[in-house]
Amino acid sequence: MKRGKMKFMMVLITLVLISAAPLAAVASESVTIQGEVNDSFQIVDSNGQVYEIAETEKGNDLVENHIGEKAKVVGTLQQDQDVKIITVTTFEILAE
């Protein structure tokens, strides 16, 4: 009977680890991005990388009041396939 329980536990542990793996891929990381804010709810860095700005109070403030300006944005980054989405924590408008 001990062998059966041990085998069952190994299978259960394996299933838990496999199902947790996709969650690690969507985990967010803190980043700082510098780029130009556009009217499509995006910030574009100097390399042309486009980041979608998540609709939050800070993100809305950035887009609604600073279109066409360069900004330094700190936030958490998530990636959904090829789309990078930043949830703005803080931002600073940069002098050109």
C-alpha atoms as a PDB file:
ATOM      1  CA  MET A   1       0.000   0.000   0.000  1.00  0.00           C
ATOM      2  CA  LYS A   2       2.890   2.394   0.685  1.00  0.00           C
ATOM      3  CA  ARG A   3       4.053   2.048  -2.923  1.00  0.00           C
ATOM      4  CA  GLY A   4       0.640   3.067  -4.204  1.00  0.00           C
ATOM      5  CA  LYS A   5       0.528   6.155  -1.991  1.00  0.00           C
ATOM      6  CA  MET A   6       4.035   7.159  -2.998  1.00  0.00           C
ATOM      7  CA  LYS A   7       3.243   6.798  -6.699  1.00  0.00           C
ATOM      8  CA  PHE A   8       0.040   8.793  -6.239  1.00  0.00           C
ATOM      9  CA  MET A   9       1.943  11.587  -4.446  1.00  0.00           C
ATOM     10  CA  MET A  10       4.567  11.747  -7.217  1.00  0.00           C
ATOM     11  CA  VAL A  11       1.852  12.047  -9.867  1.00  0.00           C
ATOM     12  CA  LEU A  12       0.077  14.723  -7.828  1.00  0.00           C
ATOM     13  CA  ILE A  13       3.278  16.743  -7.339  1.00  0.00           C
ATOM     14  CA  THR A  14       4.067  16.489 -11.052  1.00  0.00           C
ATOM     15  CA  LEU A  15       0.593  17.752 -11.980  1.00  0.00           C
ATOM     16  CA  VAL A  16       0.884  20.696  -9.579  1.00  0.00           C
ATOM     17  CA  LEU A  17       4.266  21.694 -11.010  1.00  0.00           C
ATOM     18  CA  ILE A  18       3.049  21.423 -14.601  1.00  0.00           C
ATOM     19  CA  SER A  19      -0.042  23.534 -13.930  1.00  0.00           C
ATOM     20  CA  ALA A  20       1.998  26.230 -12.121  1.00  0.00           C
ATOM     21  CA  ALA A  21       4.472  26.683 -15.011  1.00  0.00           C
ATOM     22  CA  PRO A  22       2.217  28.903 -17.178  1.00  0.00           C
ATOM     23  CA  LEU A  23       1.621  31.222 -14.224  1.00  0.00           C
ATOM     24  CA  ALA A  24       5.333  32.017 -14.063  1.00  0.00           C
ATOM     25  CA  ALA A  25       5.256  33.130 -17.710  1.00  0.00           C
ATOM     26  CA  VAL A  26       2.621  35.789 -17.031  1.00  0.00           C
ATOM     27  CA  ALA A  27       4.174  37.055 -13.816  1.00  0.00           C
ATOM     28  CA  SER A  28       4.894  40.749 -13.970  1.00  0.00           C
ATOM     29  CA  GLU A  29       8.264  42.378 -13.466  1.00  0.00           C
ATOM     30  CA  SER A  30       9.141  45.938 -12.501  1.00  0.00           C
ATOM     31  CA  VAL A  31      10.669  48.018 -15.315  1.00  0.00           C
ATOM     32  CA  THR A  32      11.606  51.569 -16.229  1.00  0.00           C
ATOM     33  CA  ILE A  33      10.855  52.682 -19.780  1.00  0.00           C
ATOM     34  CA  GLN A  34      11.680  55.964 -21.489  1.00  0.00           C
ATOM     35  CA  GLY A  35       9.814  56.883 -24.617  1.00  0.00           C
ATOM     36  CA  GLU A  36       7.202  59.001 -26.327  1.00  0.00           C
ATOM     37  CA  VAL A  37       3.547  58.804 -25.332  1.00  0.00           C
ATOM     38  CA  ASN A  38       1.125  58.510 -28.247  1.00  0.00           C
ATOM     39  CA  ASP A  39      -2.651  58.826 -28.553  1.00  0.00           C
ATOM     40  CA  SER A  40      -3.110  55.068 -28.959  1.00  0.00           C
ATOM     41  CA  PHE A  41      -2.508  54.440 -25.234  1.00  0.00           C
ATOM     42  CA  GLN A  42       1.108  53.462 -25.945  1.00  0.00           C
ATOM     43  CA  ILE A  43       4.642  54.497 -25.131  1.00  0.00           C
ATOM     44  CA  VAL A  44       7.294  53.931 -27.799  1.00  0.00           C
ATOM     45  CA  ASP A  45      10.939  53.698 -26.719  1.00  0.00           C
ATOM     46  CA  SER A  46      13.996  54.822 -28.722  1.00  0.00           C
ATOM     47  CA  ASN A  47      14.347  51.329 -30.250  1.00  0.00           C
ATOM     48  CA  GLY A  48      10.799  51.434 -31.594  1.00  0.00           C
ATOM     49  CA  GLN A  49       9.482  48.938 -29.006  1.00  0.00           C
ATOM     50  CA  VAL A  50       5.804  49.631 -28.353  1.00  0.00           C
ATOM     51  CA  TYR A  51       4.315  49.200 -24.887  1.00  0.00           C
ATOM     52  CA  GLU A  52       0.558  49.297 -24.372  1.00  0.00           C
ATOM     53  CA  ILE A  53      -0.352  51.411 -21.338  1.00  0.00           C
ATOM     54  CA  ALA A  54      -2.812  49.662 -19.024  1.00  0.00           C
ATOM     55  CA  GLU A  55      -5.958  51.624 -18.254  1.00  0.00           C
ATOM     56  CA  THR A  56      -5.366  52.698 -14.673  1.00  0.00           C
ATOM     57  CA  GLU A  57      -5.557  56.069 -12.943  1.00  0.00           C
ATOM     58  CA  LYS A  58      -1.825  56.742 -13.518  1.00  0.00           C
ATOM     59  CA  GLY A  59      -1.901  55.321 -17.056  1.00  0.00           C
ATOM     60  CA  ASN A  60      -4.915  57.434 -17.998  1.00  0.00           C
ATOM     61  CA  ASP A  61      -3.256  60.552 -16.547  1.00  0.00           C
ATOM     62  CA  LEU A  62      -0.135  59.877 -18.618  1.00  0.00           C
ATOM     63  CA  VAL A  63      -1.998  59.394 -21.892  1.00  0.00           C
ATOM     64  CA  GLU A  64      -4.678  62.049 -21.459  1.00  0.00           C
ATOM     65  CA  ASN A  65      -2.292  64.835 -20.420  1.00  0.00           C
ATOM     66  CA  HIS A  66       1.045  64.086 -22.094  1.00  0.00           C
ATOM     67  CA  ILE A  67       0.501  62.900 -25.684  1.00  0.00           C
ATOM     68  CA  GLY A  68       3.567  63.611 -27.820  1.00  0.00           C
ATOM     69  CA  GLU A  69       5.827  64.128 -24.806  1.00  0.00           C
ATOM     70  CA  LYS A  70       8.752  62.002 -23.684  1.00  0.00           C
ATOM     71  CA  ALA A  71       8.315  60.272 -20.351  1.00  0.00           C
ATOM     72  CA  LYS A  72      10.177  58.039 -17.944  1.00  0.00           C
ATOM     73  CA  VAL A  73       7.686  55.415 -16.809  1.00  0.00           C
ATOM     74  CA  VAL A  74       8.099  52.974 -13.929  1.00  0.00           C
ATOM     75  CA  GLY A  75       5.659  50.119 -13.666  1.00  0.00           C
ATOM     76  CA  THR A  76       5.039  46.421 -13.953  1.00  0.00           C
ATOM     77  CA  LEU A  77       5.379  44.735 -17.289  1.00  0.00           C
ATOM     78  CA  GLN A  78       3.282  41.867 -18.521  1.00  0.00           C
ATOM     79  CA  GLN A  79       3.447  40.173 -21.877  1.00  0.00           C
ATOM     80  CA  ASP A  80       0.485  38.632 -23.659  1.00  0.00           C
ATOM     81  CA  GLN A  81       1.958  36.858 -26.681  1.00  0.00           C
ATOM     82  CA  ASP A  82       3.688  39.642 -28.663  1.00  0.00           C
ATOM     83  CA  VAL A  83       2.012  42.524 -26.808  1.00  0.00           C
ATOM     84  CA  LYS A  84       3.865  44.192 -23.921  1.00  0.00           C
ATOM     85  CA  ILE A  85       1.618  45.928 -21.408  1.00  0.00           C
ATOM     86  CA  ILE A  86       2.886  48.310 -18.739  1.00  0.00           C
ATOM     87  CA  THR A  87       0.866  49.150 -15.652  1.00  0.00           C
ATOM     88  CA  VAL A  88       2.170  52.577 -14.672  1.00  0.00           C
ATOM     89  CA  THR A  89       3.275  52.997 -11.059  1.00  0.00           C
ATOM     90  CA  THR A  90       4.915  56.406 -11.505  1.00  0.00           C
ATOM     91  CA  PHE A  91       5.969  58.610 -14.381  1.00  0.00           C
ATOM     92  CA  GLU A  92       8.060  61.692 -14.985  1.00  0.00           C
ATOM     93  CA  ILE A  93       7.852  63.950 -18.031  1.00  0.00           C
ATOM     94  CA  LEU A  94      11.294  64.514 -19.536  1.00  0.00           C
ATOM     95  CA  ALA A  95      12.557  67.774 -20.989  1.00  0.00           C
ATOM     96  CA  GLU A  96      13.489  67.441 -24.634  1.00  0.00           C
END
